[in-house]
């Protein structure tokens, strides 16, 4: 997953993912495997107006971005998708940092080096 946008005014995952997608990924990194229904049940506590279909759409977008993958499973209610993470939170964060630094080096190499040389450990 390549982050395509970085929002300087946001914190954490919301700097690289839309807010609800960031919440879904936070849940999924804890759960590892879940259905959209399970994620919806957790999220509706905080977002009572949220629709189940919205959660499904967002989880499918996360699949398209490569953060989740899904499999068809047969259950009591018939067919359903089971989603699972494709990368750990730590791996994702490392990829974000690498992407941002690669972009900085490609576009502002001298300024990036100058700034990094000022940073103390």
PDB file of N, CA and C in Angstrom:
ATOM      1  N   UNK A   1       0.838  -1.177   0.000  1.00  0.00           N
ATOM      2  CA  UNK A   1       0.000   0.000   0.000  1.00  0.00           C
ATOM      3  C   UNK A   1       0.880   1.235   0.000  1.00  0.00           C
ATOM      4  N   UNK A   2       0.733   2.046  -1.001  1.00  0.00           N
ATOM      5  CA  UNK A   2       1.446   3.309  -1.099  1.00  0.00           C
ATOM      6  C   UNK A   2       0.525   4.434  -0.660  1.00  0.00           C
ATOM      7  N   UNK A   3       0.848   5.154   0.390  1.00  0.00           N
ATOM      8  CA  UNK A   3       0.017   6.307   0.728  1.00  0.00           C
ATOM      9  C   UNK A   3       0.141   7.342  -0.381  1.00  0.00           C
ATOM     10  N   UNK A   4      -0.979   7.835  -0.860  1.00  0.00           N
ATOM     11  CA  UNK A   4      -0.944   8.796  -1.958  1.00  0.00           C
ATOM     12  C   UNK A   4      -1.143  10.222  -1.464  1.00  0.00           C
ATOM     13  N   UNK A   5      -1.460  10.368  -0.203  1.00  0.00           N
ATOM     14  CA  UNK A   5      -1.718  11.693   0.335  1.00  0.00           C
ATOM     15  C   UNK A   5      -1.315  11.708   1.805  1.00  0.00           C
ATOM     16  N   UNK A   6      -0.745  12.817   2.226  1.00  0.00           N
ATOM     17  CA  UNK A   6      -0.387  12.985   3.627  1.00  0.00           C
ATOM     18  C   UNK A   6      -0.968  14.304   4.091  1.00  0.00           C
ATOM     19  N   UNK A   7      -1.848  14.255   5.095  1.00  0.00           N
ATOM     20  CA  UNK A   7      -2.500  15.457   5.611  1.00  0.00           C
ATOM     21  C   UNK A   7      -1.747  15.935   6.851  1.00  0.00           C
ATOM     22  N   UNK A   8      -1.068  17.043   6.717  1.00  0.00           N
ATOM     23  CA  UNK A   8      -0.231  17.560   7.795  1.00  0.00           C
ATOM     24  C   UNK A   8      -1.016  17.916   9.050  1.00  0.00           C
ATOM     25  N   UNK A   9      -2.294  18.227   8.907  1.00  0.00           N
ATOM     26  CA  UNK A   9      -3.084  18.677  10.060  1.00  0.00           C
ATOM     27  C   UNK A   9      -3.727  17.526  10.831  1.00  0.00           C
ATOM     28  N   UNK A  10      -3.607  16.314  10.334  1.00  0.00           N
ATOM     29  CA  UNK A  10      -4.224  15.159  11.001  1.00  0.00           C
ATOM     30  C   UNK A  10      -3.180  14.388  11.801  1.00  0.00           C
ATOM     31  N   UNK A  11      -3.665  13.598  12.750  1.00  0.00           N
ATOM     32  CA  UNK A  11      -2.772  12.797  13.586  1.00  0.00           C
ATOM     33  C   UNK A  11      -2.939  11.322  13.276  1.00  0.00           C
ATOM     34  N   UNK A  12      -1.880  10.573  13.452  1.00  0.00           N
ATOM     35  CA  UNK A  12      -1.913   9.125  13.315  1.00  0.00           C
ATOM     36  C   UNK A  12      -2.346   8.671  11.933  1.00  0.00           C
ATOM     37  N   UNK A  13      -3.111   7.600  11.911  1.00  0.00           N
ATOM     38  CA  UNK A  13      -3.556   7.016  10.645  1.00  0.00           C
ATOM     39  C   UNK A  13      -4.386   7.972   9.806  1.00  0.00           C
ATOM     40  N   UNK A  14      -5.063   8.913  10.469  1.00  0.00           N
ATOM     41  CA  UNK A  14      -5.914   9.856   9.738  1.00  0.00           C
ATOM     42  C   UNK A  14      -5.094  10.800   8.857  1.00  0.00           C
ATOM     43  N   UNK A  15      -3.781  10.813   9.043  1.00  0.00           N
ATOM     44  CA  UNK A  15      -2.926  11.623   8.174  1.00  0.00           C
ATOM     45  C   UNK A  15      -2.785  10.992   6.793  1.00  0.00           C
ATOM     46  N   UNK A  16      -3.025   9.677   6.694  1.00  0.00           N
ATOM     47  CA  UNK A  16      -2.861   8.999   5.400  1.00  0.00           C
ATOM     48  C   UNK A  16      -4.105   8.237   4.947  1.00  0.00           C
ATOM     49  N   UNK A  17      -5.088   8.100   5.831  1.00  0.00           N
ATOM     50  CA  UNK A  17      -6.338   7.425   5.483  1.00  0.00           C
ATOM     51  C   UNK A  17      -7.516   8.309   5.881  1.00  0.00           C
ATOM     52  N   UNK A  18      -8.631   8.198   5.164  1.00  0.00           N
ATOM     53  CA  UNK A  18      -9.838   8.903   5.621  1.00  0.00           C
ATOM     54  C   UNK A  18     -10.213   8.422   7.026  1.00  0.00           C
ATOM     55  N   UNK A  19     -10.862   9.284   7.821  1.00  0.00           N
ATOM     56  CA  UNK A  19     -11.113   8.967   9.238  1.00  0.00           C
ATOM     57  C   UNK A  19     -11.783   7.619   9.502  1.00  0.00           C
ATOM     58  N   UNK A  20     -12.851   7.279   8.789  1.00  0.00           N
ATOM     59  CA  UNK A  20     -13.525   5.998   9.057  1.00  0.00           C
ATOM     60  C   UNK A  20     -12.666   4.813   8.633  1.00  0.00           C
ATOM     61  N   UNK A  21     -11.925   4.950   7.551  1.00  0.00           N
ATOM     62  CA  UNK A  21     -11.024   3.873   7.136  1.00  0.00           C
ATOM     63  C   UNK A  21      -9.922   3.684   8.179  1.00  0.00           C
ATOM     64  N   UNK A  22      -9.441   4.779   8.747  1.00  0.00           N
ATOM     65  CA  UNK A  22      -8.428   4.687   9.805  1.00  0.00           C
ATOM     66  C   UNK A  22      -8.985   3.947  11.017  1.00  0.00           C
ATOM     67  N   UNK A  23     -10.234   4.227  11.376  1.00  0.00           N
ATOM     68  CA  UNK A  23     -10.860   3.521  12.507  1.00  0.00           C
ATOM     69  C   UNK A  23     -11.030   2.038  12.198  1.00  0.00           C
ATOM     70  N   UNK A  24     -11.447   1.730  10.991  1.00  0.00           N
ATOM     71  CA  UNK A  24     -11.604   0.323  10.606  1.00  0.00           C
ATOM     72  C   UNK A  24     -10.268  -0.395  10.713  1.00  0.00           C
ATOM     73  N   UNK A  25      -9.209   0.227  10.202  1.00  0.00           N
ATOM     74  CA  UNK A  25      -7.904  -0.425  10.268  1.00  0.00           C
ATOM     75  C   UNK A  25      -7.432  -0.573  11.709  1.00  0.00           C
ATOM     76  N   UNK A  26      -7.718   0.417  12.554  1.00  0.00           N
ATOM     77  CA  UNK A  26      -7.374   0.276  13.971  1.00  0.00           C
ATOM     78  C   UNK A  26      -8.033  -0.952  14.575  1.00  0.00           C
ATOM     79  N   UNK A  27      -9.303  -1.147  14.257  1.00  0.00           N
ATOM     80  CA  UNK A  27     -10.023  -2.323  14.741  1.00  0.00           C
ATOM     81  C   UNK A  27      -9.438  -3.604  14.142  1.00  0.00           C
ATOM     82  N   UNK A  28      -9.198  -3.572  12.833  1.00  0.00           N
ATOM     83  CA  UNK A  28      -8.715  -4.781  12.160  1.00  0.00           C
ATOM     84  C   UNK A  28      -7.325  -5.186  12.635  1.00  0.00           C
ATOM     85  N   UNK A  29      -6.458  -4.228  12.941  1.00  0.00           N
ATOM     86  CA  UNK A  29      -5.142  -4.600  13.440  1.00  0.00           C
ATOM     87  C   UNK A  29      -5.240  -5.274  14.795  1.00  0.00           C
ATOM     88  N   UNK A  30      -6.258  -4.957  15.577  1.00  0.00           N
ATOM     89  CA  UNK A  30      -6.481  -5.665  16.839  1.00  0.00           C
ATOM     90  C   UNK A  30      -7.112  -7.035  16.598  1.00  0.00           C
ATOM     91  N   UNK A  31      -8.115  -7.077  15.720  1.00  0.00           N
ATOM     92  CA  UNK A  31      -8.875  -8.304  15.500  1.00  0.00           C
ATOM     93  C   UNK A  31      -8.171  -9.280  14.572  1.00  0.00           C
ATOM     94  N   UNK A  32      -7.403  -8.786  13.610  1.00  0.00           N
ATOM     95  CA  UNK A  32      -6.711  -9.569  12.566  1.00  0.00           C
ATOM     96  C   UNK A  32      -7.669 -10.101  11.497  1.00  0.00           C
ATOM     97  N   UNK A  33      -8.816 -10.658  11.914  1.00  0.00           N
ATOM     98  CA  UNK A  33      -9.812 -11.221  10.994  1.00  0.00           C
ATOM     99  C   UNK A  33     -11.191 -10.822  11.500  1.00  0.00           C
ATOM    100  N   UNK A  34     -12.048 -10.361  10.577  1.00  0.00           N
ATOM    101  CA  UNK A  34     -13.409  -9.972  10.985  1.00  0.00           C
ATOM    102  C   UNK A  34     -14.295  -9.844   9.759  1.00  0.00           C
ATOM    103  N   UNK A  35     -15.591  -9.903   9.990  1.00  0.00           N
ATOM    104  CA  UNK A  35     -16.554  -9.618   8.932  1.00  0.00           C
ATOM    105  C   UNK A  35     -16.915  -8.133   9.001  1.00  0.00           C
ATOM    106  N   UNK A  36     -17.509  -7.631   7.931  1.00  0.00           N
ATOM    107  CA  UNK A  36     -17.965  -6.240   7.933  1.00  0.00           C
ATOM    108  C   UNK A  36     -19.018  -6.037   9.024  1.00  0.00           C
ATOM    109  N   UNK A  37     -19.845  -7.047   9.261  1.00  0.00           N
ATOM    110  CA  UNK A  37     -20.860  -6.961  10.303  1.00  0.00           C
ATOM    111  C   UNK A  37     -20.255  -6.790  11.682  1.00  0.00           C
ATOM    112  N   UNK A  38     -19.175  -7.504  11.956  1.00  0.00           N
ATOM    113  CA  UNK A  38     -18.503  -7.380  13.249  1.00  0.00           C
ATOM    114  C   UNK A  38     -17.888  -5.986  13.411  1.00  0.00           C
ATOM    115  N   UNK A  39     -17.283  -5.491  12.344  1.00  0.00           N
ATOM    116  CA  UNK A  39     -16.698  -4.144  12.389  1.00  0.00           C
ATOM    117  C   UNK A  39     -17.798  -3.110  12.568  1.00  0.00           C
ATOM    118  N   UNK A  40     -18.902  -3.292  11.846  1.00  0.00           N
ATOM    119  CA  UNK A  40     -20.042  -2.368  11.966  1.00  0.00           C
ATOM    120  C   UNK A  40     -20.560  -2.330  13.397  1.00  0.00           C
ATOM    121  N   UNK A  41     -20.720  -3.485  14.031  1.00  0.00           N
ATOM    122  CA  UNK A  41     -21.228  -3.538  15.409  1.00  0.00           C
ATOM    123  C   UNK A  41     -20.322  -2.754  16.350  1.00  0.00           C
ATOM    124  N   UNK A  42     -19.032  -2.835  16.145  1.00  0.00           N
ATOM    125  CA  UNK A  42     -18.089  -2.098  16.985  1.00  0.00           C
ATOM    126  C   UNK A  42     -18.167  -0.599  16.702  1.00  0.00           C
ATOM    127  N   UNK A  43     -18.238  -0.239  15.429  1.00  0.00           N
ATOM    128  CA  UNK A  43     -18.195   1.180  15.054  1.00  0.00           C
ATOM    129  C   UNK A  43     -19.498   1.922  15.333  1.00  0.00           C
ATOM    130  N   UNK A  44     -20.617   1.223  15.342  1.00  0.00           N
ATOM    131  CA  UNK A  44     -21.886   1.928  15.546  1.00  0.00           C
ATOM    132  C   UNK A  44     -22.020   2.468  16.965  1.00  0.00           C
ATOM    133  N   UNK A  45     -21.220   1.957  17.905  1.00  0.00           N
ATOM    134  CA  UNK A  45     -21.202   2.511  19.252  1.00  0.00           C
ATOM    135  C   UNK A  45     -20.759   3.975  19.216  1.00  0.00           C
ATOM    136  N   UNK A  46     -19.754   4.260  18.418  1.00  0.00           N
ATOM    137  CA  UNK A  46     -19.209   5.609  18.306  1.00  0.00           C
ATOM    138  C   UNK A  46     -19.926   6.429  17.233  1.00  0.00           C
ATOM    139  N   UNK A  47     -20.448   5.745  16.215  1.00  0.00           N
ATOM    140  CA  UNK A  47     -21.101   6.402  15.076  1.00  0.00           C
ATOM    141  C   UNK A  47     -22.505   5.818  14.892  1.00  0.00           C
ATOM    142  N   UNK A  48     -23.477   6.250  15.700  1.00  0.00           N
ATOM    143  CA  UNK A  48     -24.817   5.638  15.644  1.00  0.00           C
ATOM    144  C   UNK A  48     -25.532   5.803  14.310  1.00  0.00           C
ATOM    145  N   UNK A  49     -25.169   6.796  13.510  1.00  0.00           N
ATOM    146  CA  UNK A  49     -25.815   6.991  12.213  1.00  0.00           C
ATOM    147  C   UNK A  49     -25.123   6.232  11.075  1.00  0.00           C
ATOM    148  N   UNK A  50     -24.059   5.545  11.385  1.00  0.00           N
ATOM    149  CA  UNK A  50     -23.312   4.799  10.383  1.00  0.00           C
ATOM    150  C   UNK A  50     -24.143   3.629   9.857  1.00  0.00           C
ATOM    151  N   UNK A  51     -24.088   3.425   8.548  1.00  0.00           N
ATOM    152  CA  UNK A  51     -24.828   2.309   7.936  1.00  0.00           C
ATOM    153  C   UNK A  51     -23.885   1.135   7.706  1.00  0.00           C
ATOM    154  N   UNK A  52     -24.438  -0.055   7.791  1.00  0.00           N
ATOM    155  CA  UNK A  52     -23.637  -1.254   7.589  1.00  0.00           C
ATOM    156  C   UNK A  52     -23.047  -1.285   6.186  1.00  0.00           C
ATOM    157  N   UNK A  53     -23.828  -0.835   5.214  1.00  0.00           N
ATOM    158  CA  UNK A  53     -23.338  -0.830   3.831  1.00  0.00           C
ATOM    159  C   UNK A  53     -22.122   0.079   3.675  1.00  0.00           C
ATOM    160  N   UNK A  54     -22.077   1.166   4.435  1.00  0.00           N
ATOM    161  CA  UNK A  54     -20.927   2.066   4.387  1.00  0.00           C
ATOM    162  C   UNK A  54     -19.674   1.346   4.861  1.00  0.00           C
ATOM    163  N   UNK A  55     -19.799   0.572   5.926  1.00  0.00           N
ATOM    164  CA  UNK A  55     -18.653  -0.185   6.440  1.00  0.00           C
ATOM    165  C   UNK A  55     -18.176  -1.180   5.384  1.00  0.00           C
ATOM    166  N   UNK A  56     -19.098  -1.854   4.730  1.00  0.00           N
ATOM    167  CA  UNK A  56     -18.726  -2.811   3.674  1.00  0.00           C
ATOM    168  C   UNK A  56     -17.989  -2.116   2.536  1.00  0.00           C
ATOM    169  N   UNK A  57     -18.503  -0.972   2.118  1.00  0.00           N
ATOM    170  CA  UNK A  57     -17.861  -0.214   1.035  1.00  0.00           C
ATOM    171  C   UNK A  57     -16.453   0.196   1.444  1.00  0.00           C
ATOM    172  N   UNK A  58     -16.311   0.717   2.654  1.00  0.00           N
ATOM    173  CA  UNK A  58     -14.988   1.152   3.120  1.00  0.00           C
ATOM    174  C   UNK A  58     -14.024  -0.014   3.242  1.00  0.00           C
ATOM    175  N   UNK A  59     -14.509  -1.152   3.691  1.00  0.00           N
ATOM    176  CA  UNK A  59     -13.631  -2.317   3.803  1.00  0.00           C
ATOM    177  C   UNK A  59     -13.212  -2.810   2.423  1.00  0.00           C
ATOM    178  N   UNK A  60     -14.095  -2.709   1.458  1.00  0.00           N
ATOM    179  CA  UNK A  60     -13.718  -3.070   0.093  1.00  0.00           C
ATOM    180  C   UNK A  60     -12.669  -2.106  -0.460  1.00  0.00           C
ATOM    181  N   UNK A  61     -12.789  -0.828  -0.126  1.00  0.00           N
ATOM    182  CA  UNK A  61     -11.766   0.153  -0.532  1.00  0.00           C
ATOM    183  C   UNK A  61     -10.418  -0.191   0.094  1.00  0.00           C
ATOM    184  N   UNK A  62     -10.445  -0.603   1.349  1.00  0.00           N
ATOM    185  CA  UNK A  62      -9.204  -0.997   2.010  1.00  0.00           C
ATOM    186  C   UNK A  62      -8.598  -2.232   1.351  1.00  0.00           C
ATOM    187  N   UNK A  63      -9.436  -3.099   0.800  1.00  0.00           N
ATOM    188  CA  UNK A  63      -8.937  -4.243   0.015  1.00  0.00           C
ATOM    189  C   UNK A  63      -8.262  -3.733  -1.258  1.00  0.00           C
ATOM    190  N   UNK A  64      -8.907  -2.782  -1.929  1.00  0.00           N
ATOM    191  CA  UNK A  64      -8.335  -2.215  -3.156  1.00  0.00           C
ATOM    192  C   UNK A  64      -6.999  -1.536  -2.886  1.00  0.00           C
ATOM    193  N   UNK A  65      -6.847  -0.957  -1.701  1.00  0.00           N
ATOM    194  CA  UNK A  65      -5.596  -0.298  -1.317  1.00  0.00           C
ATOM    195  C   UNK A  65      -4.548  -1.295  -0.852  1.00  0.00           C
ATOM    196  N   UNK A  66      -4.935  -2.543  -0.686  1.00  0.00           N
ATOM    197  CA  UNK A  66      -3.984  -3.571  -0.286  1.00  0.00           C
ATOM    198  C   UNK A  66      -3.800  -3.733   1.206  1.00  0.00           C
ATOM    199  N   UNK A  67      -4.632  -3.068   2.014  1.00  0.00           N
ATOM    200  CA  UNK A  67      -4.502  -3.190   3.468  1.00  0.00           C
ATOM    201  C   UNK A  67      -5.288  -4.366   4.040  1.00  0.00           C
ATOM    202  N   UNK A  68      -6.328  -4.756   3.337  1.00  0.00           N
ATOM    203  CA  UNK A  68      -7.126  -5.922   3.725  1.00  0.00           C
ATOM    204  C   UNK A  68      -7.252  -6.848   2.529  1.00  0.00           C
ATOM    205  N   UNK A  69      -7.558  -8.090   2.817  1.00  0.00           N
ATOM    206  CA  UNK A  69      -7.962  -9.023   1.769  1.00  0.00           C
ATOM    207  C   UNK A  69      -9.199  -9.747   2.260  1.00  0.00           C
ATOM    208  N   UNK A  70      -9.986 -10.250   1.322  1.00  0.00           N
ATOM    209  CA  UNK A  70     -11.240 -10.878   1.733  1.00  0.00           C
ATOM    210  C   UNK A  70     -11.390 -12.241   1.072  1.00  0.00           C
ATOM    211  N   UNK A  71     -12.118 -13.085   1.784  1.00  0.00           N
ATOM    212  CA  UNK A  71     -12.459 -14.414   1.298  1.00  0.00           C
ATOM    213  C   UNK A  71     -13.944 -14.621   1.497  1.00  0.00           C
ATOM    214  N   UNK A  72     -14.533 -15.419   0.636  1.00  0.00           N
ATOM    215  CA  UNK A  72     -15.946 -15.757   0.790  1.00  0.00           C
ATOM    216  C   UNK A  72     -16.037 -16.911   1.773  1.00  0.00           C
ATOM    217  N   UNK A  73     -16.967 -16.791   2.707  1.00  0.00           N
ATOM    218  CA  UNK A  73     -17.181 -17.825   3.714  1.00  0.00           C
ATOM    219  C   UNK A  73     -18.663 -18.161   3.759  1.00  0.00           C
ATOM    220  N   UNK A  74     -18.960 -19.410   4.009  1.00  0.00           N
ATOM    221  CA  UNK A  74     -20.353 -19.824   4.165  1.00  0.00           C
ATOM    222  C   UNK A  74     -20.667 -19.908   5.645  1.00  0.00           C
ATOM    223  N   UNK A  75     -21.742 -19.234   6.043  1.00  0.00           N
ATOM    224  CA  UNK A  75     -22.161 -19.252   7.437  1.00  0.00           C
ATOM    225  C   UNK A  75     -23.633 -19.565   7.540  1.00  0.00           C
ATOM    226  N   UNK A  76     -24.200 -19.392   8.731  1.00  0.00           N
ATOM    227  CA  UNK A  76     -25.622 -19.659   8.938  1.00  0.00           C
ATOM    228  C   UNK A  76     -26.505 -18.819   8.030  1.00  0.00           C
ATOM    229  N   UNK A  77     -26.097 -17.571   7.784  1.00  0.00           N
ATOM    230  CA  UNK A  77     -26.902 -16.668   6.970  1.00  0.00           C
ATOM    231  C   UNK A  77     -26.590 -16.741   5.493  1.00  0.00           C
ATOM    232  N   UNK A  78     -25.754 -17.662   5.093  1.00  0.00           N
ATOM    233  CA  UNK A  78     -25.367 -17.775   3.693  1.00  0.00           C
ATOM    234  C   UNK A  78     -23.937 -17.325   3.479  1.00  0.00           C
ATOM    235  N   UNK A  79     -23.695 -16.764   2.307  1.00  0.00           N
ATOM    236  CA  UNK A  79     -22.347 -16.333   1.937  1.00  0.00           C
ATOM    237  C   UNK A  79     -22.032 -14.979   2.592  1.00  0.00           C
ATOM    238  N   UNK A  80     -20.773 -14.807   2.974  1.00  0.00           N
ATOM    239  CA  UNK A  80     -20.324 -13.531   3.525  1.00  0.00           C
ATOM    240  C   UNK A  80     -18.826 -13.411   3.278  1.00  0.00           C
ATOM    241  N   UNK A  81     -18.359 -12.183   3.336  1.00  0.00           N
ATOM    242  CA  UNK A  81     -16.928 -11.942   3.206  1.00  0.00           C
ATOM    243  C   UNK A  81     -16.287 -11.899   4.587  1.00  0.00           C
ATOM    244  N   UNK A  82     -15.131 -12.520   4.670  1.00  0.00           N
ATOM    245  CA  UNK A  82     -14.310 -12.445   5.871  1.00  0.00           C
ATOM    246  C   UNK A  82     -13.045 -11.697   5.470  1.00  0.00           C
ATOM    247  N   UNK A  83     -12.763 -10.630   6.184  1.00  0.00           N
ATOM    248  CA  UNK A  83     -11.630  -9.767   5.875  1.00  0.00           C
ATOM    249  C   UNK A  83     -10.486 -10.058   6.836  1.00  0.00           C
ATOM    250  N   UNK A  84      -9.266  -9.948   6.314  1.00  0.00           N
ATOM    251  CA  UNK A  84      -8.100 -10.095   7.178  1.00  0.00           C
ATOM    252  C   UNK A  84      -7.033  -9.099   6.749  1.00  0.00           C
ATOM    253  N   UNK A  85      -6.192  -8.745   7.699  1.00  0.00           N
ATOM    254  CA  UNK A  85      -5.145  -7.769   7.443  1.00  0.00           C
ATOM    255  C   UNK A  85      -4.078  -8.374   6.535  1.00  0.00           C
ATOM    256  N   UNK A  86      -3.416  -7.510   5.759  1.00  0.00           N
ATOM    257  CA  UNK A  86      -2.332  -7.970   4.892  1.00  0.00           C
ATOM    258  C   UNK A  86      -0.967  -7.527   5.408  1.00  0.00           C
ATOM    259  N   UNK A  87      -0.979  -6.620   6.373  1.00  0.00           N
ATOM    260  CA  UNK A  87       0.259  -6.081   6.926  1.00  0.00           C
ATOM    261  C   UNK A  87       0.007  -5.650   8.362  1.00  0.00           C
ATOM    262  N   UNK A  88       1.033  -5.661   9.151  1.00  0.00           N
ATOM    263  CA  UNK A  88       0.883  -5.193  10.526  1.00  0.00           C
ATOM    264  C   UNK A  88       0.842  -3.668  10.547  1.00  0.00           C
ATOM    265  N   UNK A  89       0.403  -3.113  11.641  1.00  0.00           N
ATOM    266  CA  UNK A  89       0.388  -1.655  11.793  1.00  0.00           C
ATOM    267  C   UNK A  89       1.802  -1.107  11.696  1.00  0.00           C
ATOM    268  N   UNK A  90       2.748  -1.791  12.306  1.00  0.00           N
ATOM    269  CA  UNK A  90       4.140  -1.348  12.285  1.00  0.00           C
ATOM    270  C   UNK A  90       4.704  -1.352  10.860  1.00  0.00           C
ATOM    271  N   UNK A  91       4.397  -2.393  10.093  1.00  0.00           N
ATOM    272  CA  UNK A  91       4.855  -2.447   8.700  1.00  0.00           C
ATOM    273  C   UNK A  91       4.232  -1.320   7.874  1.00  0.00           C
ATOM    274  N   UNK A  92       2.948  -1.059   8.112  1.00  0.00           N
ATOM    275  CA  UNK A  92       2.268   0.016   7.395  1.00  0.00           C
ATOM    276  C   UNK A  92       2.894   1.357   7.731  1.00  0.00           C
ATOM    277  N   UNK A  93       3.117   1.620   9.012  1.00  0.00           N
ATOM    278  CA  UNK A  93       3.716   2.883   9.429  1.00  0.00           C
ATOM    279  C   UNK A  93       5.105   3.045   8.817  1.00  0.00           C
ATOM    280  N   UNK A  94       5.882   1.966   8.782  1.00  0.00           N
ATOM    281  CA  UNK A  94       7.223   2.027   8.179  1.00  0.00           C
ATOM    282  C   UNK A  94       7.121   2.373   6.695  1.00  0.00           C
ATOM    283  N   UNK A  95       6.158   1.794   6.007  1.00  0.00           N
ATOM    284  CA  UNK A  95       5.964   2.074   4.579  1.00  0.00           C
ATOM    285  C   UNK A  95       5.582   3.540   4.364  1.00  0.00           C
ATOM    286  N   UNK A  96       4.741   4.083   5.234  1.00  0.00           N
ATOM    287  CA  UNK A  96       4.357   5.489   5.140  1.00  0.00           C
ATOM    288  C   UNK A  96       5.592   6.377   5.305  1.00  0.00           C
ATOM    289  N   UNK A  97       6.388   6.104   6.322  1.00  0.00           N
ATOM    290  CA  UNK A  97       7.585   6.909   6.569  1.00  0.00           C
ATOM    291  C   UNK A  97       8.534   6.826   5.371  1.00  0.00           C
ATOM    292  N   UNK A  98       8.747   5.629   4.843  1.00  0.00           N
ATOM    293  CA  UNK A  98       9.623   5.468   3.686  1.00  0.00           C
ATOM    294  C   UNK A  98       9.101   6.237   2.483  1.00  0.00           C
ATOM    295  N   UNK A  99       7.805   6.170   2.245  1.00  0.00           N
ATOM    296  CA  UNK A  99       7.212   6.872   1.100  1.00  0.00           C
ATOM    297  C   UNK A  99       7.370   8.381   1.225  1.00  0.00           C
ATOM    298  N   UNK A 100       7.153   8.889   2.430  1.00  0.00           N
ATOM    299  CA  UNK A 100       7.267  10.331   2.643  1.00  0.00           C
ATOM    300  C   UNK A 100       8.722  10.777   2.479  1.00  0.00           C
ATOM    301  N   UNK A 101       9.649  10.021   3.057  1.00  0.00           N
ATOM    302  CA  UNK A 101      11.050  10.397   2.912  1.00  0.00           C
ATOM    303  C   UNK A 101      11.528  10.268   1.473  1.00  0.00           C
ATOM    304  N   UNK A 102      11.078   9.243   0.763  1.00  0.00           N
ATOM    305  CA  UNK A 102      11.442   9.105  -0.650  1.00  0.00           C
ATOM    306  C   UNK A 102      10.957  10.312  -1.451  1.00  0.00           C
ATOM    307  N   UNK A 103       9.723  10.755  -1.165  1.00  0.00           N
ATOM    308  CA  UNK A 103       9.182  11.923  -1.869  1.00  0.00           C
ATOM    309  C   UNK A 103       9.955  13.188  -1.505  1.00  0.00           C
ATOM    310  N   UNK A 104      10.284  13.342  -0.226  1.00  0.00           N
ATOM    311  CA  UNK A 104      11.068  14.509   0.192  1.00  0.00           C
ATOM    312  C   UNK A 104      12.444  14.517  -0.476  1.00  0.00           C
ATOM    313  N   UNK A 105      13.072  13.363  -0.522  1.00  0.00           N
ATOM    314  CA  UNK A 105      14.398  13.281  -1.139  1.00  0.00           C
ATOM    315  C   UNK A 105      14.325  13.528  -2.636  1.00  0.00           C
ATOM    316  N   UNK A 106      13.276  13.076  -3.275  1.00  0.00           N
ATOM    317  CA  UNK A 106      13.129  13.274  -4.715  1.00  0.00           C
ATOM    318  C   UNK A 106      12.840  14.734  -5.060  1.00  0.00           C
ATOM    319  N   UNK A 107      12.128  15.424  -4.192  1.00  0.00           N
ATOM    320  CA  UNK A 107      11.682  16.778  -4.512  1.00  0.00           C
ATOM    321  C   UNK A 107      12.442  17.886  -3.782  1.00  0.00           C
ATOM    322  N   UNK A 108      12.957  17.586  -2.597  1.00  0.00           N
ATOM    323  CA  UNK A 108      13.617  18.607  -1.769  1.00  0.00           C
ATOM    324  C   UNK A 108      14.864  18.025  -1.099  1.00  0.00           C
ATOM    325  N   UNK A 109      15.731  17.440  -1.890  1.00  0.00           N
ATOM    326  CA  UNK A 109      16.874  16.702  -1.353  1.00  0.00           C
ATOM    327  C   UNK A 109      17.747  17.546  -0.422  1.00  0.00           C
ATOM    328  N   UNK A 110      18.180  18.707  -0.867  1.00  0.00           N
ATOM    329  CA  UNK A 110      19.081  19.524  -0.055  1.00  0.00           C
ATOM    330  C   UNK A 110      18.411  19.993   1.239  1.00  0.00           C
ATOM    331  N   UNK A 111      17.161  20.432   1.146  1.00  0.00           N
ATOM    332  CA  UNK A 111      16.444  20.897   2.340  1.00  0.00           C
ATOM    333  C   UNK A 111      16.209  19.738   3.309  1.00  0.00           C
ATOM    334  N   UNK A 112      15.940  18.565   2.780  1.00  0.00           N
ATOM    335  CA  UNK A 112      15.721  17.393   3.637  1.00  0.00           C
ATOM    336  C   UNK A 112      17.001  17.033   4.383  1.00  0.00           C
ATOM    337  N   UNK A 113      18.126  16.980   3.657  1.00  0.00           N
ATOM    338  CA  UNK A 113      19.402  16.694   4.314  1.00  0.00           C
ATOM    339  C   UNK A 113      19.743  17.757   5.360  1.00  0.00           C
ATOM    340  N   UNK A 114      19.503  19.014   5.030  1.00  0.00           N
ATOM    341  CA  UNK A 114      19.801  20.095   5.967  1.00  0.00           C
ATOM    342  C   UNK A 114      18.974  19.951   7.236  1.00  0.00           C
ATOM    343  N   UNK A 115      17.697  19.630   7.085  1.00  0.00           N
ATOM    344  CA  UNK A 115      16.833  19.465   8.246  1.00  0.00           C
ATOM    345  C   UNK A 115      17.267  18.259   9.076  1.00  0.00           C
ATOM    346  N   UNK A 116      17.525  17.126   8.417  1.00  0.00           N
ATOM    347  CA  UNK A 116      17.916  15.915   9.137  1.00  0.00           C
ATOM    348  C   UNK A 116      19.229  16.106   9.891  1.00  0.00           C
ATOM    349  N   UNK A 117      20.123  16.919   9.341  1.00  0.00           N
ATOM    350  CA  UNK A 117      21.404  17.134  10.015  1.00  0.00           C
ATOM    351  C   UNK A 117      21.229  17.927  11.319  1.00  0.00           C
ATOM    352  N   UNK A 118      20.118  18.668  11.456  1.00  0.00           N
ATOM    353  CA  UNK A 118      19.840  19.449  12.675  1.00  0.00           C
ATOM    354  C   UNK A 118      19.206  18.613  13.778  1.00  0.00           C
ATOM    355  N   UNK A 119      18.579  17.479  13.406  1.00  0.00           N
ATOM    356  CA  UNK A 119      17.847  16.671  14.383  1.00  0.00           C
ATOM    357  C   UNK A 119      18.831  15.915  15.275  1.00  0.00           C
ATOM    358  N   UNK A 120      18.584  15.995  16.583  1.00  0.00           N
ATOM    359  CA  UNK A 120      19.413  15.259  17.540  1.00  0.00           C
ATOM    360  C   UNK A 120      18.679  13.990  17.954  1.00  0.00           C
ATOM    361  N   UNK A 121      19.422  12.965  18.244  1.00  0.00           N
ATOM    362  CA  UNK A 121      18.808  11.698  18.689  1.00  0.00           C
ATOM    363  C   UNK A 121      18.312  11.802  20.091  1.00  0.00           C
TER     364      UNK A 121
END
